[in-house]
C-alpha atoms as a PDB file:
ATOM      1  CA  MET A   1     -73.620-177.302 -24.746  1.00  0.00           C
ATOM      2  CA  PHE A   2     -73.945-178.817 -28.139  1.00  0.00           C
ATOM      3  CA  PRO A   3     -70.936-179.485 -30.242  1.00  0.00           C
ATOM      4  CA  SER A   4     -70.766-177.776 -33.743  1.00  0.00           C
ATOM      5  CA  LYS A   5     -70.932-179.228 -36.735  1.00  0.00           C
ATOM      6  CA  ASP A   6     -69.357-178.608 -40.305  1.00  0.00           C
ATOM      7  CA  PRO A   7     -71.422-177.317 -42.948  1.00  0.00           C
ATOM      8  CA  VAL A   8     -72.756-179.943 -45.181  1.00  0.00           C
ATOM      9  CA  VAL A   9     -71.667-179.388 -48.644  1.00  0.00           C
ATOM     10  CA  THR A  10     -74.816-180.210 -51.134  1.00  0.00           C
ATOM     11  CA  ARG A  11     -74.632-180.739 -55.188  1.00  0.00           C
ATOM     12  CA  PHE A  12     -77.254-177.827 -54.995  1.00  0.00           C
ATOM     13  CA  ASP A  13     -74.365-176.039 -53.475  1.00  0.00           C
ATOM     14  CA  THR A  14     -71.741-176.972 -56.292  1.00  0.00           C
ATOM     15  CA  ILE A  15     -74.066-176.250 -58.865  1.00  0.00           C
ATOM     16  CA  ARG A  16     -75.207-172.359 -56.925  1.00  0.00           C
ATOM     17  CA  THR A  17     -71.390-171.884 -57.196  1.00  0.00           C
ATOM     18  CA  VAL A  18     -70.310-173.068 -60.788  1.00  0.00           C
ATOM     19  CA  SER A  19     -73.397-170.696 -61.908  1.00  0.00           C
ATOM     20  CA  MET A  20     -72.454-167.765 -59.562  1.00  0.00           C
ATOM     21  CA  VAL A  21     -68.921-168.360 -61.529  1.00  0.00           C
ATOM     22  CA  ILE A  22     -69.995-168.346 -64.971  1.00  0.00           C
ATOM     23  CA  THR A  23     -72.658-165.318 -64.316  1.00  0.00           C
ATOM     24  CA  ALA A  24     -69.613-163.377 -63.234  1.00  0.00           C
ATOM     25  CA  VAL A  25     -67.725-164.735 -66.120  1.00  0.00           C
ATOM     26  CA  CYS A  26     -70.152-163.229 -68.708  1.00  0.00           C
ATOM     27  CA  LEU A  27     -70.632-160.203 -66.492  1.00  0.00           C
ATOM     28  CA  LEU A  28     -66.884-159.601 -67.531  1.00  0.00           C
ATOM     29  CA  PHE A  29     -67.160-160.169 -70.674  1.00  0.00           C
ATOM     30  CA  ILE A  30     -69.731-158.154 -71.239  1.00  0.00           C
ATOM     31  CA  SER A  31     -68.019-155.079 -69.621  1.00  0.00           C
ATOM     32  CA  ILE A  32     -65.221-155.771 -71.341  1.00  0.00           C
ATOM     33  CA  SER A  33     -66.561-155.625 -74.833  1.00  0.00           C
ATOM     34  CA  MET A  34     -68.412-152.164 -73.567  1.00  0.00           C
ATOM     35  CA  ILE A  35     -65.316-150.642 -73.065  1.00  0.00           C
ATOM     36  CA  VAL A  36     -63.378-152.126 -76.294  1.00  0.00           C
ATOM     37  CA  ALA A  37     -66.961-150.797 -78.209  1.00  0.00           C
ATOM     38  CA  GLY A  38     -66.713-147.063 -76.617  1.00  0.00           C
ATOM     39  CA  ALA A  39     -62.865-146.966 -77.221  1.00  0.00           C
ATOM     40  CA  TYR A  40     -63.428-148.287 -80.850  1.00  0.00           C
ATOM     41  CA  THR A  41     -66.488-145.426 -81.372  1.00  0.00           C
ATOM     42  CA  ILE A  42     -64.197-142.594 -79.723  1.00  0.00           C
ATOM     43  CA  THR A  43     -61.317-143.055 -82.228  1.00  0.00           C
ATOM     44  CA  THR A  44     -63.600-143.750 -85.639  1.00  0.00           C
ATOM     45  CA  VAL A  45     -65.412-140.098 -84.309  1.00  0.00           C
ATOM     46  CA  ASN A  46     -61.854-138.661 -83.770  1.00  0.00           C
ATOM     47  CA  HIS A  47     -61.239-139.999 -87.221  1.00  0.00           C
ATOM     48  CA  ILE A  48     -63.795-138.570 -88.755  1.00  0.00           C
ATOM     49  CA  GLN A  49     -63.269-135.242 -87.340  1.00  0.00           C
ATOM     50  CA  ASN A  50     -59.655-135.015 -87.817  1.00  0.00           C
ATOM     51  CA  THR A  51     -60.385-136.721 -91.365  1.00  0.00           C
ATOM     52  CA  TYR A  52     -63.226-134.628 -92.828  1.00  0.00           C
ATOM     53  CA  HIS A  53     -64.156-130.847 -92.458  1.00  0.00           C
ATOM     54  CA  PRO A  54     -67.803-129.878 -91.090  1.00  0.00           C
ATOM     55  CA  GLU A  55     -68.861-128.990 -94.704  1.00  0.00           C
ATOM     56  CA  GLN A  56     -67.541-132.423 -96.064  1.00  0.00           C
ATOM     57  CA  LEU A  57     -69.787-134.683 -93.162  1.00  0.00           C
ATOM     58  CA  SER A  58     -73.035-132.228 -94.120  1.00  0.00           C
ATOM     59  CA  SER A  59     -72.502-133.508 -97.583  1.00  0.00           C
ATOM     60  CA  MET A  60     -71.717-136.649 -96.853  1.00  0.00           C
ATOM     61  CA  LEU A  61     -75.395-136.434 -94.640  1.00  0.00           C
ATOM     62  CA  SER A  62     -77.407-135.068 -97.103  1.00  0.00           C
ATOM     63  CA  ASP A  63     -76.580-137.323 -99.581  1.00  0.00           C
ATOM     64  CA  ALA A  64     -77.068-140.416 -97.880  1.00  0.00           C
ATOM     65  CA  SER A  65     -80.223-138.056 -96.884  1.00  0.00           C
ATOM     66  CA  ASP A  66     -81.080-138.383-100.307  1.00  0.00           C
ATOM     67  CA  ALA A  67     -80.326-141.750-101.443  1.00  0.00           C
ATOM     68  CA  ILE A  68     -82.660-143.090 -98.725  1.00  0.00           C
ATOM     69  CA  HIS A  69     -85.649-140.756-100.049  1.00  0.00           C
ATOM     70  CA  THR A  70     -85.083-142.168-103.497  1.00  0.00           C
ATOM     71  CA  ILE A  71     -84.781-145.575-102.015  1.00  0.00           C
ATOM     72  CA  HIS A  72     -88.134-145.141-100.133  1.00  0.00           C
ATOM     73  CA  SER A  73     -89.836-143.828-103.147  1.00  0.00           C
ATOM     74  CA  THR A  74     -89.084-146.160-105.362  1.00  0.00           C
ATOM     75  CA  THR A  75     -90.307-148.920-102.711  1.00  0.00           C
ATOM     76  CA  SER A  76     -93.552-146.650-103.074  1.00  0.00           C
ATOM     77  CA  MET A  77     -94.536-146.652-106.469  1.00  0.00           C
ATOM     78  CA  LEU A  78     -93.494-150.069-106.913  1.00  0.00           C
ATOM     79  CA  LYS A  79     -95.994-151.190-103.900  1.00  0.00           C
ATOM     80  CA  SER A  80     -99.134-149.052-105.866  1.00  0.00           C
ATOM     81  CA  SER A  81     -98.417-150.513-109.209  1.00  0.00           C
ATOM     82  CA  GLU A  82     -99.632-153.925-107.960  1.00  0.00           C
ATOM     83  CA  HIS A  83    -102.524-154.447-108.863  1.00  0.00           C
ATOM     84  CA  GLY A  84    -103.906-151.777-107.539  1.00  0.00           C
ATOM     85  CA  THR A  85    -106.013-151.654-104.012  1.00  0.00           C
ATOM     86  CA  PRO A  86    -107.549-155.187-103.794  1.00  0.00           C
ATOM     87  CA  THR A  87    -111.342-154.678-102.524  1.00  0.00           C
ATOM     88  CA  VAL A  88    -113.404-155.782 -99.574  1.00  0.00           C
ATOM     89  CA  MET A  89    -114.802-158.709-101.804  1.00  0.00           C
ATOM     90  CA  GLU A  90    -111.298-159.822-103.043  1.00  0.00           C
ATOM     91  CA  HIS A  91    -110.154-160.401 -99.950  1.00  0.00           C
ATOM     92  CA  VAL A  92    -113.353-162.521 -98.823  1.00  0.00           C
ATOM     93  CA  ALA A  93    -112.938-164.434-102.389  1.00  0.00           C
ATOM     94  CA  LYS A  94    -109.116-165.285-101.228  1.00  0.00           C
ATOM     95  CA  LEU A  95    -109.812-165.805 -97.625  1.00  0.00           C
ATOM     96  CA  ILE A  96    -112.816-168.370 -98.836  1.00  0.00           C
ATOM     97  CA  ALA A  97    -110.156-170.132-100.859  1.00  0.00           C
ATOM     98  CA  THR A  98    -108.133-170.350 -98.245  1.00  0.00           C
ATOM     99  CA  VAL A  99    -110.676-171.666 -95.802  1.00  0.00           C
ATOM    100  CA  GLU A 100    -111.077-173.986 -98.945  1.00  0.00           C
ATOM    101  CA  ASP A 101    -106.833-175.232 -99.070  1.00  0.00           C
ATOM    102  CA  LEU A 102    -106.587-176.059 -95.584  1.00  0.00           C
ATOM    103  CA  SER A 103    -110.221-178.188 -94.612  1.00  0.00           C
ATOM    104  CA  ALA A 104    -108.628-180.227 -97.497  1.00  0.00           C
ATOM    105  CA  ALA A 105    -105.391-180.710 -96.434  1.00  0.00           C
ATOM    106  CA  LEU A 106    -107.062-181.231 -92.907  1.00  0.00           C
ATOM    107  CA  LYS A 107    -108.472-183.625 -94.283  1.00  0.00           C
ATOM    108  CA  THR A 108    -105.365-185.184 -95.148  1.00  0.00           C
ATOM    109  CA  LEU A 109    -103.767-185.161 -92.363  1.00  0.00           C
ATOM    110  CA  HIS A 110    -104.084-188.015 -89.787  1.00  0.00           C
ATOM    111  CA  VAL A 111    -105.758-186.137 -87.024  1.00  0.00           C
ATOM    112  CA  ASP A 112    -105.870-189.056 -84.636  1.00  0.00           C
ATOM    113  CA  ASN A 113    -102.797-190.182 -84.832  1.00  0.00           C
ATOM    114  CA  ILE A 114    -101.025-187.627 -83.575  1.00  0.00           C
ATOM    115  CA  LEU A 115    -103.254-186.841 -80.863  1.00  0.00           C
ATOM    116  CA  SER A 116    -102.754-190.671 -79.703  1.00  0.00           C
ATOM    117  CA  GLU A 117     -98.798-190.193 -79.691  1.00  0.00           C
ATOM    118  CA  SER A 118     -99.101-186.718 -78.480  1.00  0.00           C
ATOM    119  CA  THR A 119    -101.278-188.683 -75.494  1.00  0.00           C
ATOM    120  CA  HIS A 120     -98.576-191.174 -75.783  1.00  0.00           C
ATOM    121  CA  TRP A 121     -95.429-188.662 -74.935  1.00  0.00           C
ATOM    122  CA  ARG A 122     -97.606-187.230 -72.606  1.00  0.00           C
ATOM    123  CA  ASP A 123     -98.120-190.521 -70.856  1.00  0.00           C
ATOM    124  CA  MET A 124     -94.233-191.290 -70.725  1.00  0.00           C
ATOM    125  CA  ALA A 125     -93.054-188.023 -69.759  1.00  0.00           C
ATOM    126  CA  THR A 126     -95.571-188.309 -67.095  1.00  0.00           C
ATOM    127  CA  SER A 127     -94.138-191.490 -65.530  1.00  0.00           C
ATOM    128  CA  MET A 128     -90.098-190.567 -66.103  1.00  0.00           C
ATOM    129  CA  LEU A 129     -91.431-187.387 -64.022  1.00  0.00           C
ATOM    130  CA  LYS A 130     -92.817-189.784 -61.007  1.00  0.00           C
ATOM    131  CA  GLY A 131     -89.576-192.089 -61.152  1.00  0.00           C
ATOM    132  CA  LEU A 132     -87.546-188.667 -61.123  1.00  0.00           C
ATOM    133  CA  LYS A 133     -89.484-187.581 -58.066  1.00  0.00           C
ATOM    134  CA  GLN A 134     -89.471-190.857 -56.590  1.00  0.00           C
ATOM    135  CA  GLY A 135     -85.700-191.527 -56.738  1.00  0.00           C
ATOM    136  CA  LEU A 136     -84.447-188.129 -56.257  1.00  0.00           C
ATOM    137  CA  PRO A 137     -84.832-188.383 -52.418  1.00  0.00           C
ATOM    138  CA  GLU A 138     -83.198-192.043 -51.814  1.00  0.00           C
ATOM    139  CA  LEU A 139     -79.921-190.250 -53.815  1.00  0.00           C
END
């Protein structure tokens, strides 16, 4: 009864197709990199197992554990020797000094200029979006 129409290809169909191709390439890259990483891990583990005996591996792990423990205890000692633990009053005094510095910095900032510029940018962006909204249906 009605003749069949050919499908209309729009820009959005083209964009959708391009995005699907890009997604497929990214997924392929991720899959290949995971396979390569797995193969590298397997060969490395096999090499370590063939090269070192279990006793050597356990001694290497215990040496690494001792080194990490030494580093951790050293940083803990350095942290605790810095001036002792500050009291609550020292924290309050530091907070007050910081708030005073912040209030002095706010006086030198030109907040009115910053607000007027942000308003100007917002109005400009709004008018641009309205122009795009009116211009897109005409295309």
